[in-house]
């Protein structure tokens, strides 16, 4: 059985985040941030493990990632994850106008910091908005570039089953890409 967040839980997270933002804003050190670091990550884990029928939950996650990014600028996954949260929110609301540039900038920043999964997510993003050539470009880059932070979680089955690739799945170039780079188990094998 899937669990769902209630509006009360979302409001509670927002209250906690407002308290945290106030403490960080009025602090001259990172101590308030450090004391909530584990709390924030545990809430993100909880959010990511549950399904929600309320798009405001994605905004709560975005606020959490934004807070962390303000203090942990050297960690590429933060930018990737924030970009993905905004991407999910835009898909949820079917409105990319407010977050389009921010999603791209965050994912670009993470990829520039040698995060391979960000290239994958850029490919997902471009496929979803029906920019097929751009999506294929990022897939090829993801599979061919040597990353400092490679991932072994991307495999052929994941690529074939990711609904974000529905717009390119049946293109001959997608099949060619899979044959060239994924005739084996995973990217890093």
N, C-alpha and C. Protein backbone atom coordinates (compact mmCIF):
# COMPACT_ATOMS: atom_id res chain seq x y z
N UNK A 1 0.83 -1.18 0.00
CA UNK A 1 0.00 0.00 0.00
C UNK A 1 0.88 1.25 0.00
N UNK A 2 0.60 2.19 -0.89
CA UNK A 2 1.39 3.41 -0.96
C UNK A 2 0.95 4.38 0.13
N UNK A 3 1.94 5.08 0.68
CA UNK A 3 1.65 6.10 1.68
C UNK A 3 1.58 7.45 0.98
N UNK A 4 0.74 8.32 1.50
CA UNK A 4 0.62 9.66 0.95
C UNK A 4 0.79 10.68 2.05
N UNK A 5 1.38 11.82 1.69
CA UNK A 5 1.48 12.91 2.64
C UNK A 5 0.14 13.61 2.75
N UNK A 6 -0.19 13.99 3.95
CA UNK A 6 -1.42 14.76 4.15
C UNK A 6 -1.07 16.24 4.09
N UNK A 7 -2.07 17.05 3.93
CA UNK A 7 -1.87 18.49 3.93
C UNK A 7 -1.31 18.95 5.27
N UNK A 8 -1.74 18.35 6.37
CA UNK A 8 -1.20 18.69 7.69
C UNK A 8 0.29 18.41 7.77
N UNK A 9 0.74 17.29 7.21
CA UNK A 9 2.17 16.97 7.23
C UNK A 9 2.96 17.97 6.39
N UNK A 10 2.43 18.33 5.25
CA UNK A 10 3.11 19.31 4.39
C UNK A 10 3.20 20.65 5.11
N UNK A 11 2.12 21.06 5.76
CA UNK A 11 2.14 22.33 6.51
C UNK A 11 3.13 22.26 7.66
N UNK A 12 3.25 21.09 8.31
CA UNK A 12 4.21 20.94 9.39
C UNK A 12 5.64 21.10 8.87
N UNK A 13 5.95 20.48 7.71
CA UNK A 13 7.27 20.65 7.12
C UNK A 13 7.54 22.11 6.80
N UNK A 14 6.55 22.79 6.26
CA UNK A 14 6.73 24.21 5.94
C UNK A 14 7.01 25.03 7.19
N UNK A 15 6.32 24.73 8.30
CA UNK A 15 6.58 25.45 9.56
C UNK A 15 8.01 25.20 10.04
N UNK A 16 8.45 23.94 9.99
CA UNK A 16 9.82 23.62 10.40
C UNK A 16 10.83 24.34 9.51
N UNK A 17 10.57 24.38 8.23
CA UNK A 17 11.49 25.05 7.31
C UNK A 17 11.53 26.55 7.56
N UNK A 18 10.39 27.14 7.85
CA UNK A 18 10.38 28.57 8.17
C UNK A 18 11.21 28.85 9.42
N UNK A 19 11.09 27.99 10.44
CA UNK A 19 11.90 28.14 11.65
C UNK A 19 13.39 28.03 11.31
N UNK A 20 13.73 27.04 10.50
CA UNK A 20 15.12 26.84 10.12
C UNK A 20 15.65 28.03 9.34
N UNK A 21 14.88 28.53 8.38
CA UNK A 21 15.30 29.68 7.60
C UNK A 21 15.55 30.89 8.49
N UNK A 22 14.68 31.09 9.47
CA UNK A 22 14.84 32.20 10.40
C UNK A 22 16.11 32.04 11.22
N UNK A 23 16.37 30.84 11.73
CA UNK A 23 17.58 30.61 12.52
C UNK A 23 18.83 30.82 11.69
N UNK A 24 18.83 30.32 10.46
CA UNK A 24 20.00 30.49 9.59
C UNK A 24 20.20 31.96 9.25
N UNK A 25 19.12 32.64 8.95
CA UNK A 25 19.18 34.05 8.58
C UNK A 25 19.78 34.91 9.69
N UNK A 26 19.48 34.58 10.94
CA UNK A 26 19.94 35.38 12.08
C UNK A 26 21.22 34.85 12.71
N UNK A 27 21.84 33.88 12.09
CA UNK A 27 23.05 33.30 12.65
C UNK A 27 24.27 33.77 11.88
N UNK A 28 25.35 33.94 12.60
CA UNK A 28 26.60 34.33 11.94
C UNK A 28 27.45 33.11 11.62
N UNK A 29 27.04 31.95 12.09
CA UNK A 29 27.79 30.73 11.81
C UNK A 29 26.87 29.72 11.13
N UNK A 30 27.44 28.58 10.79
CA UNK A 30 26.66 27.54 10.16
C UNK A 30 26.09 26.57 11.18
N UNK A 31 26.23 26.85 12.46
CA UNK A 31 25.77 25.91 13.47
C UNK A 31 24.29 25.57 13.36
N UNK A 32 23.40 26.54 13.19
CA UNK A 32 21.99 26.14 13.04
C UNK A 32 21.78 25.22 11.85
N UNK A 33 22.52 25.51 10.77
CA UNK A 33 22.41 24.63 9.61
C UNK A 33 22.89 23.24 9.96
N UNK A 34 24.04 23.14 10.61
CA UNK A 34 24.60 21.84 10.94
C UNK A 34 23.66 21.04 11.82
N UNK A 35 23.03 21.69 12.78
CA UNK A 35 22.15 20.97 13.69
C UNK A 35 20.90 20.44 12.98
N UNK A 36 20.53 21.04 11.87
CA UNK A 36 19.36 20.59 11.14
C UNK A 36 19.71 19.77 9.90
N UNK A 37 21.01 19.63 9.64
CA UNK A 37 21.45 18.93 8.43
C UNK A 37 20.85 17.53 8.36
N UNK A 38 20.99 16.77 9.42
CA UNK A 38 20.44 15.42 9.44
C UNK A 38 18.91 15.46 9.30
N UNK A 39 18.28 16.38 9.99
CA UNK A 39 16.82 16.52 9.92
C UNK A 39 16.38 16.74 8.47
N UNK A 40 17.05 17.65 7.80
CA UNK A 40 16.66 17.96 6.42
C UNK A 40 16.82 16.75 5.51
N UNK A 41 17.94 16.08 5.61
CA UNK A 41 18.14 14.91 4.76
C UNK A 41 17.17 13.79 5.10
N UNK A 42 16.85 13.64 6.38
CA UNK A 42 15.88 12.59 6.74
C UNK A 42 14.50 12.92 6.18
N UNK A 43 14.13 14.19 6.17
CA UNK A 43 12.84 14.59 5.60
C UNK A 43 12.83 14.40 4.09
N UNK A 44 13.96 14.68 3.44
CA UNK A 44 14.03 14.45 2.00
C UNK A 44 13.88 12.96 1.69
N UNK A 45 14.53 12.14 2.48
CA UNK A 45 14.40 10.69 2.29
C UNK A 45 12.95 10.27 2.45
N UNK A 46 12.31 10.80 3.48
CA UNK A 46 10.89 10.48 3.71
C UNK A 46 10.03 10.94 2.53
N UNK A 47 10.26 12.14 2.05
CA UNK A 47 9.51 12.68 0.92
C UNK A 47 9.73 11.82 -0.32
N UNK A 48 10.99 11.47 -0.58
CA UNK A 48 11.30 10.69 -1.78
C UNK A 48 10.76 9.27 -1.72
N UNK A 49 10.56 8.74 -0.52
CA UNK A 49 10.06 7.37 -0.38
C UNK A 49 8.54 7.27 -0.41
N UNK A 50 7.87 8.40 -0.36
CA UNK A 50 6.41 8.39 -0.35
C UNK A 50 5.87 9.00 -1.63
N UNK A 51 4.68 8.61 -1.98
CA UNK A 51 3.99 9.19 -3.13
C UNK A 51 3.13 10.34 -2.62
N UNK A 52 2.93 11.32 -3.45
CA UNK A 52 2.09 12.45 -3.06
C UNK A 52 1.16 12.82 -4.19
N UNK A 53 -0.05 13.17 -3.82
CA UNK A 53 -0.97 13.67 -4.83
C UNK A 53 -1.08 15.19 -4.70
N UNK A 54 -0.13 15.78 -4.00
CA UNK A 54 -0.14 17.21 -3.77
C UNK A 54 1.17 17.82 -4.25
N UNK A 55 1.15 18.64 -5.31
CA UNK A 55 2.40 19.19 -5.84
C UNK A 55 3.13 20.08 -4.85
N UNK A 56 2.46 20.58 -3.82
CA UNK A 56 3.17 21.44 -2.87
C UNK A 56 4.23 20.67 -2.11
N UNK A 57 4.12 19.34 -2.06
CA UNK A 57 5.16 18.54 -1.43
C UNK A 57 6.48 18.70 -2.18
N UNK A 58 6.42 18.77 -3.49
CA UNK A 58 7.64 18.98 -4.28
C UNK A 58 8.24 20.34 -3.96
N UNK A 59 7.40 21.32 -3.70
CA UNK A 59 7.92 22.64 -3.33
C UNK A 59 8.58 22.61 -1.96
N UNK A 60 8.06 21.79 -1.04
CA UNK A 60 8.70 21.62 0.26
C UNK A 60 10.09 21.02 0.04
N UNK A 61 10.18 19.98 -0.78
CA UNK A 61 11.48 19.37 -1.07
C UNK A 61 12.41 20.40 -1.72
N UNK A 62 11.89 21.21 -2.62
CA UNK A 62 12.71 22.24 -3.27
C UNK A 62 13.24 23.24 -2.24
N UNK A 63 12.41 23.62 -1.29
CA UNK A 63 12.87 24.54 -0.24
C UNK A 63 13.99 23.90 0.58
N UNK A 64 13.85 22.61 0.87
CA UNK A 64 14.89 21.92 1.64
C UNK A 64 16.20 21.91 0.85
N UNK A 65 16.14 21.51 -0.42
CA UNK A 65 17.35 21.48 -1.23
C UNK A 65 17.96 22.87 -1.38
N UNK A 66 17.13 23.88 -1.50
CA UNK A 66 17.64 25.26 -1.61
C UNK A 66 18.40 25.66 -0.35
N UNK A 67 17.85 25.30 0.80
CA UNK A 67 18.54 25.60 2.06
C UNK A 67 19.89 24.91 2.12
N UNK A 68 19.90 23.63 1.76
CA UNK A 68 21.15 22.88 1.80
C UNK A 68 22.14 23.46 0.80
N UNK A 69 21.68 23.80 -0.39
CA UNK A 69 22.55 24.34 -1.43
C UNK A 69 23.19 25.65 -0.99
N UNK A 70 22.49 26.41 -0.15
CA UNK A 70 23.05 27.65 0.35
C UNK A 70 24.28 27.45 1.20
N UNK A 71 24.46 26.26 1.73
CA UNK A 71 25.58 25.99 2.62
C UNK A 71 26.49 24.88 2.12
N UNK A 72 26.11 24.18 1.11
CA UNK A 72 26.88 23.04 0.63
C UNK A 72 27.06 23.17 -0.88
N UNK A 73 27.68 24.27 -1.29
CA UNK A 73 27.76 24.61 -2.71
C UNK A 73 28.67 23.71 -3.53
N UNK A 74 29.50 22.92 -2.87
CA UNK A 74 30.46 22.09 -3.58
C UNK A 74 29.95 20.68 -3.85
N UNK A 75 28.72 20.39 -3.51
CA UNK A 75 28.19 19.04 -3.64
C UNK A 75 27.24 18.99 -4.84
N UNK A 76 27.67 18.40 -5.96
CA UNK A 76 26.87 18.47 -7.20
C UNK A 76 25.50 17.82 -7.09
N UNK A 77 25.35 16.83 -6.24
CA UNK A 77 24.05 16.17 -6.13
C UNK A 77 22.96 17.11 -5.66
N UNK A 78 23.31 18.11 -4.88
CA UNK A 78 22.32 19.08 -4.40
C UNK A 78 21.67 19.78 -5.60
N UNK A 79 22.48 20.23 -6.54
CA UNK A 79 21.95 20.94 -7.71
C UNK A 79 21.13 19.99 -8.58
N UNK A 80 21.63 18.78 -8.75
CA UNK A 80 20.88 17.78 -9.52
C UNK A 80 19.53 17.51 -8.86
N UNK A 81 19.54 17.26 -7.56
CA UNK A 81 18.31 16.91 -6.86
C UNK A 81 17.31 18.05 -6.85
N UNK A 82 17.79 19.27 -6.66
CA UNK A 82 16.89 20.42 -6.70
C UNK A 82 16.30 20.57 -8.10
N UNK A 83 17.12 20.41 -9.14
CA UNK A 83 16.61 20.47 -10.50
C UNK A 83 15.56 19.40 -10.75
N UNK A 84 15.79 18.21 -10.22
CA UNK A 84 14.83 17.10 -10.40
C UNK A 84 13.52 17.36 -9.66
N UNK A 85 13.62 17.93 -8.47
CA UNK A 85 12.41 18.25 -7.71
C UNK A 85 11.58 19.27 -8.47
N UNK A 86 12.23 20.30 -9.00
CA UNK A 86 11.49 21.31 -9.78
C UNK A 86 10.94 20.71 -11.07
N UNK A 87 11.67 19.80 -11.67
CA UNK A 87 11.20 19.10 -12.87
C UNK A 87 9.94 18.29 -12.53
N UNK A 88 9.97 17.55 -11.41
CA UNK A 88 8.78 16.77 -11.01
C UNK A 88 7.60 17.71 -10.74
N UNK A 89 7.87 18.84 -10.09
CA UNK A 89 6.80 19.79 -9.80
C UNK A 89 6.21 20.33 -11.12
N UNK A 90 7.06 20.68 -12.06
CA UNK A 90 6.58 21.19 -13.35
C UNK A 90 5.76 20.13 -14.08
N UNK A 91 6.21 18.87 -14.01
CA UNK A 91 5.44 17.79 -14.64
C UNK A 91 4.10 17.63 -13.92
N UNK A 92 4.15 17.69 -12.60
CA UNK A 92 2.95 17.50 -11.79
C UNK A 92 1.89 18.55 -12.12
N UNK A 93 2.33 19.79 -12.27
CA UNK A 93 1.41 20.89 -12.54
C UNK A 93 1.21 21.13 -14.03
N UNK A 94 1.99 20.41 -14.85
CA UNK A 94 1.95 20.58 -16.30
C UNK A 94 2.22 22.02 -16.71
N UNK A 95 3.19 22.64 -16.02
CA UNK A 95 3.52 24.04 -16.28
C UNK A 95 5.03 24.23 -16.13
N UNK A 96 5.72 24.39 -17.23
CA UNK A 96 7.16 24.57 -17.20
C UNK A 96 7.57 26.04 -17.27
N UNK A 97 6.63 26.94 -17.43
CA UNK A 97 6.98 28.34 -17.66
C UNK A 97 7.75 28.95 -16.49
N UNK A 98 7.37 28.64 -15.27
CA UNK A 98 8.02 29.26 -14.11
C UNK A 98 9.38 28.67 -13.78
N UNK A 99 9.61 27.40 -14.13
CA UNK A 99 10.82 26.71 -13.66
C UNK A 99 11.74 26.24 -14.76
N UNK A 100 11.38 26.46 -16.01
CA UNK A 100 12.15 25.96 -17.14
C UNK A 100 13.64 26.31 -17.05
N UNK A 101 13.95 27.57 -16.94
CA UNK A 101 15.36 28.01 -16.91
C UNK A 101 16.07 27.52 -15.66
N UNK A 102 15.39 27.57 -14.54
CA UNK A 102 16.01 27.14 -13.29
C UNK A 102 16.34 25.64 -13.32
N UNK A 103 15.44 24.84 -13.85
CA UNK A 103 15.69 23.39 -13.97
C UNK A 103 16.95 23.16 -14.78
N UNK A 104 17.03 23.79 -15.95
CA UNK A 104 18.20 23.61 -16.81
C UNK A 104 19.48 24.08 -16.13
N UNK A 105 19.45 25.26 -15.52
CA UNK A 105 20.66 25.80 -14.87
C UNK A 105 21.16 24.89 -13.76
N UNK A 106 20.24 24.38 -12.95
CA UNK A 106 20.64 23.50 -11.84
C UNK A 106 21.24 22.20 -12.36
N UNK A 107 20.60 21.60 -13.36
CA UNK A 107 21.13 20.35 -13.91
C UNK A 107 22.44 20.58 -14.65
N UNK A 108 22.56 21.69 -15.39
CA UNK A 108 23.83 22.03 -16.05
C UNK A 108 24.94 22.17 -15.02
N UNK A 109 24.66 22.89 -13.95
CA UNK A 109 25.67 23.12 -12.91
C UNK A 109 26.15 21.79 -12.33
N UNK A 110 25.23 20.90 -12.04
CA UNK A 110 25.60 19.61 -11.49
C UNK A 110 26.42 18.80 -12.49
N UNK A 111 26.02 18.81 -13.75
CA UNK A 111 26.76 18.07 -14.77
C UNK A 111 28.15 18.66 -14.96
N UNK A 112 28.26 19.98 -14.91
CA UNK A 112 29.57 20.63 -15.03
C UNK A 112 30.49 20.26 -13.87
N UNK A 113 29.90 19.88 -12.75
CA UNK A 113 30.68 19.45 -11.58
C UNK A 113 30.97 17.94 -11.68
N UNK A 114 30.83 17.39 -12.87
CA UNK A 114 31.15 16.00 -13.19
C UNK A 114 30.22 14.99 -12.53
N UNK A 115 28.93 15.31 -12.54
CA UNK A 115 27.91 14.41 -12.00
C UNK A 115 27.16 13.76 -13.17
N UNK A 116 27.43 12.50 -13.40
CA UNK A 116 26.86 11.79 -14.55
C UNK A 116 25.34 11.72 -14.51
N UNK A 117 24.76 11.54 -13.36
CA UNK A 117 23.29 11.42 -13.27
C UNK A 117 22.61 12.71 -13.71
N UNK A 118 23.29 13.85 -13.57
CA UNK A 118 22.72 15.11 -14.04
C UNK A 118 22.58 15.11 -15.56
N UNK A 119 23.54 14.51 -16.27
CA UNK A 119 23.42 14.40 -17.73
C UNK A 119 22.22 13.53 -18.10
N UNK A 120 22.03 12.45 -17.35
CA UNK A 120 20.86 11.60 -17.55
C UNK A 120 19.58 12.41 -17.35
N UNK A 121 19.54 13.19 -16.28
CA UNK A 121 18.34 13.97 -15.99
C UNK A 121 18.11 15.08 -17.01
N UNK A 122 19.18 15.64 -17.56
CA UNK A 122 19.01 16.60 -18.65
C UNK A 122 18.41 15.91 -19.87
N UNK A 123 18.85 14.69 -20.15
CA UNK A 123 18.27 13.93 -21.27
C UNK A 123 16.78 13.67 -21.01
N UNK A 124 16.44 13.33 -19.78
CA UNK A 124 15.02 13.12 -19.42
C UNK A 124 14.23 14.40 -19.64
N UNK A 125 14.76 15.49 -19.13
CA UNK A 125 14.08 16.78 -19.23
C UNK A 125 13.82 17.15 -20.69
N UNK A 126 14.87 17.08 -21.51
CA UNK A 126 14.71 17.48 -22.92
C UNK A 126 13.77 16.55 -23.67
N UNK A 127 13.81 15.27 -23.35
CA UNK A 127 12.85 14.36 -24.00
C UNK A 127 11.43 14.72 -23.58
N UNK A 128 11.24 14.99 -22.31
CA UNK A 128 9.90 15.28 -21.80
C UNK A 128 9.30 16.52 -22.48
N UNK A 129 10.14 17.53 -22.73
CA UNK A 129 9.62 18.75 -23.39
C UNK A 129 9.72 18.63 -24.91
N UNK A 130 10.00 17.42 -25.38
CA UNK A 130 9.98 17.08 -26.80
C UNK A 130 11.10 17.74 -27.61
N UNK A 131 12.24 17.92 -26.98
CA UNK A 131 13.44 18.40 -27.69
C UNK A 131 14.34 17.18 -27.89
N UNK A 132 14.00 16.40 -28.89
CA UNK A 132 14.58 15.08 -29.11
C UNK A 132 16.09 15.11 -29.33
N UNK A 133 16.55 15.98 -30.21
CA UNK A 133 18.00 16.04 -30.51
C UNK A 133 18.80 16.41 -29.27
N UNK A 134 18.29 17.35 -28.50
CA UNK A 134 18.98 17.76 -27.27
C UNK A 134 19.02 16.60 -26.28
N UNK A 135 17.92 15.86 -26.17
CA UNK A 135 17.87 14.70 -25.28
C UNK A 135 18.89 13.65 -25.69
N UNK A 136 18.93 13.34 -26.96
CA UNK A 136 19.89 12.34 -27.45
C UNK A 136 21.33 12.81 -27.25
N UNK A 137 21.56 14.11 -27.42
CA UNK A 137 22.90 14.67 -27.18
C UNK A 137 23.33 14.39 -25.74
N UNK A 138 22.44 14.63 -24.79
CA UNK A 138 22.79 14.42 -23.37
C UNK A 138 22.93 12.94 -23.04
N UNK A 139 22.15 12.10 -23.68
CA UNK A 139 22.32 10.66 -23.46
C UNK A 139 23.70 10.20 -23.94
N UNK A 140 24.08 10.65 -25.13
CA UNK A 140 25.39 10.27 -25.66
C UNK A 140 26.52 10.79 -24.77
N UNK A 141 26.38 12.02 -24.32
CA UNK A 141 27.40 12.60 -23.44
C UNK A 141 27.47 11.81 -22.13
N UNK A 142 26.33 11.49 -21.57
CA UNK A 142 26.27 10.74 -20.32
C UNK A 142 27.01 9.41 -20.45
N UNK A 143 26.83 8.74 -21.59
CA UNK A 143 27.41 7.42 -21.77
C UNK A 143 28.88 7.45 -22.18
N UNK A 144 29.33 8.54 -22.79
CA UNK A 144 30.68 8.56 -23.35
C UNK A 144 31.69 9.38 -22.55
N UNK A 145 31.24 10.33 -21.78
CA UNK A 145 32.14 11.21 -21.03
C UNK A 145 32.65 10.49 -19.78
N UNK A 146 33.86 10.79 -19.42
CA UNK A 146 34.44 10.23 -18.19
C UNK A 146 34.09 11.18 -17.03
N UNK A 147 33.28 10.70 -16.11
CA UNK A 147 32.82 11.53 -14.99
C UNK A 147 33.57 11.19 -13.71
N UNK A 148 33.80 12.23 -12.88
CA UNK A 148 34.38 12.00 -11.55
C UNK A 148 33.40 11.26 -10.66
N UNK A 149 32.13 11.48 -10.89
CA UNK A 149 31.09 10.83 -10.09
C UNK A 149 30.22 9.98 -11.02
N UNK A 150 30.79 8.85 -11.52
CA UNK A 150 29.99 7.99 -12.40
C UNK A 150 28.95 7.21 -11.61
N UNK A 151 27.96 6.73 -12.31
CA UNK A 151 26.93 5.93 -11.67
C UNK A 151 26.83 4.58 -12.36
N UNK A 152 26.54 3.56 -11.60
CA UNK A 152 26.33 2.24 -12.18
C UNK A 152 24.85 1.88 -12.18
N UNK A 153 24.02 2.82 -11.78
CA UNK A 153 22.58 2.53 -11.68
C UNK A 153 21.85 2.65 -13.01
N UNK A 154 22.47 3.29 -13.98
CA UNK A 154 21.82 3.47 -15.28
C UNK A 154 22.15 2.26 -16.15
N UNK A 155 21.11 1.56 -16.55
CA UNK A 155 21.29 0.43 -17.44
C UNK A 155 20.23 0.48 -18.53
N UNK A 156 20.32 -0.46 -19.44
CA UNK A 156 19.41 -0.48 -20.59
C UNK A 156 17.95 -0.55 -20.15
N UNK A 157 17.66 -1.40 -19.18
CA UNK A 157 16.28 -1.55 -18.71
C UNK A 157 15.73 -0.23 -18.16
N UNK A 158 16.57 0.48 -17.41
CA UNK A 158 16.15 1.77 -16.86
C UNK A 158 15.82 2.75 -17.98
N UNK A 159 16.69 2.80 -18.97
CA UNK A 159 16.48 3.71 -20.10
C UNK A 159 15.22 3.35 -20.88
N UNK A 160 15.00 2.08 -21.09
CA UNK A 160 13.84 1.65 -21.87
C UNK A 160 12.53 1.86 -21.11
N UNK A 161 12.58 1.85 -19.79
CA UNK A 161 11.36 1.94 -18.99
C UNK A 161 11.08 3.31 -18.40
N UNK A 162 12.00 4.25 -18.53
CA UNK A 162 11.80 5.58 -17.98
C UNK A 162 10.79 6.34 -18.85
N UNK A 163 9.64 6.67 -18.27
CA UNK A 163 8.59 7.33 -19.04
C UNK A 163 8.99 8.71 -19.54
N UNK A 164 10.02 9.31 -18.95
CA UNK A 164 10.49 10.60 -19.45
C UNK A 164 11.03 10.49 -20.87
N UNK A 165 11.40 9.27 -21.29
CA UNK A 165 11.92 9.07 -22.63
C UNK A 165 10.85 8.64 -23.63
N UNK A 166 9.60 8.75 -23.26
CA UNK A 166 8.52 8.33 -24.18
C UNK A 166 8.56 9.08 -25.51
N UNK A 167 9.01 10.33 -25.50
CA UNK A 167 9.05 11.10 -26.74
C UNK A 167 10.17 10.68 -27.69
N UNK A 168 11.16 9.95 -27.19
CA UNK A 168 12.27 9.53 -28.07
C UNK A 168 12.41 8.02 -28.16
N UNK A 169 11.68 7.30 -27.36
CA UNK A 169 11.82 5.84 -27.23
C UNK A 169 11.76 5.10 -28.56
N UNK A 170 10.94 5.57 -29.47
CA UNK A 170 10.74 4.87 -30.74
C UNK A 170 11.51 5.50 -31.90
N UNK A 171 12.37 6.45 -31.57
CA UNK A 171 13.22 7.06 -32.60
C UNK A 171 14.36 6.10 -32.93
N UNK A 172 14.73 5.99 -34.20
CA UNK A 172 15.85 5.10 -34.56
C UNK A 172 17.14 5.45 -33.81
N UNK A 173 17.37 6.75 -33.58
CA UNK A 173 18.59 7.18 -32.89
C UNK A 173 18.65 6.67 -31.44
N UNK A 174 17.50 6.54 -30.79
CA UNK A 174 17.46 6.02 -29.43
C UNK A 174 17.87 4.54 -29.44
N UNK A 175 17.32 3.79 -30.38
CA UNK A 175 17.71 2.38 -30.51
C UNK A 175 19.20 2.23 -30.81
N UNK A 176 19.71 3.09 -31.69
CA UNK A 176 21.14 3.06 -32.01
C UNK A 176 21.98 3.39 -30.78
N UNK A 177 21.53 4.38 -30.02
CA UNK A 177 22.23 4.74 -28.79
C UNK A 177 22.28 3.54 -27.84
N UNK A 178 21.14 2.88 -27.64
CA UNK A 178 21.10 1.71 -26.74
C UNK A 178 22.04 0.61 -27.23
N UNK A 179 22.04 0.36 -28.52
CA UNK A 179 22.92 -0.70 -29.05
C UNK A 179 24.40 -0.34 -28.88
N UNK A 180 24.72 0.91 -29.09
CA UNK A 180 26.13 1.33 -28.99
C UNK A 180 26.63 1.30 -27.55
N UNK A 181 25.84 1.82 -26.63
CA UNK A 181 26.34 2.00 -25.26
C UNK A 181 25.78 1.00 -24.25
N UNK A 182 24.67 0.34 -24.57
CA UNK A 182 24.02 -0.50 -23.57
C UNK A 182 23.71 -1.90 -24.06
N UNK A 183 24.61 -2.44 -24.84
CA UNK A 183 24.45 -3.84 -25.20
C UNK A 183 24.97 -4.70 -24.04
N UNK A 184 25.50 -4.02 -23.00
CA UNK A 184 25.95 -4.67 -21.75
C UNK A 184 25.15 -4.12 -20.59
N UNK A 185 25.46 -4.51 -19.38
CA UNK A 185 24.62 -4.23 -18.20
C UNK A 185 24.51 -2.77 -17.79
N UNK A 186 25.59 -2.03 -17.70
CA UNK A 186 25.50 -0.66 -17.21
C UNK A 186 26.60 0.22 -17.78
N UNK A 187 26.49 1.52 -17.54
CA UNK A 187 27.42 2.49 -18.07
C UNK A 187 28.85 2.20 -17.67
N UNK A 188 29.08 1.90 -16.42
CA UNK A 188 30.43 1.80 -15.88
C UNK A 188 31.04 0.42 -15.98
N UNK A 189 30.32 -0.56 -16.48
CA UNK A 189 30.87 -1.92 -16.56
C UNK A 189 31.98 -2.00 -17.58
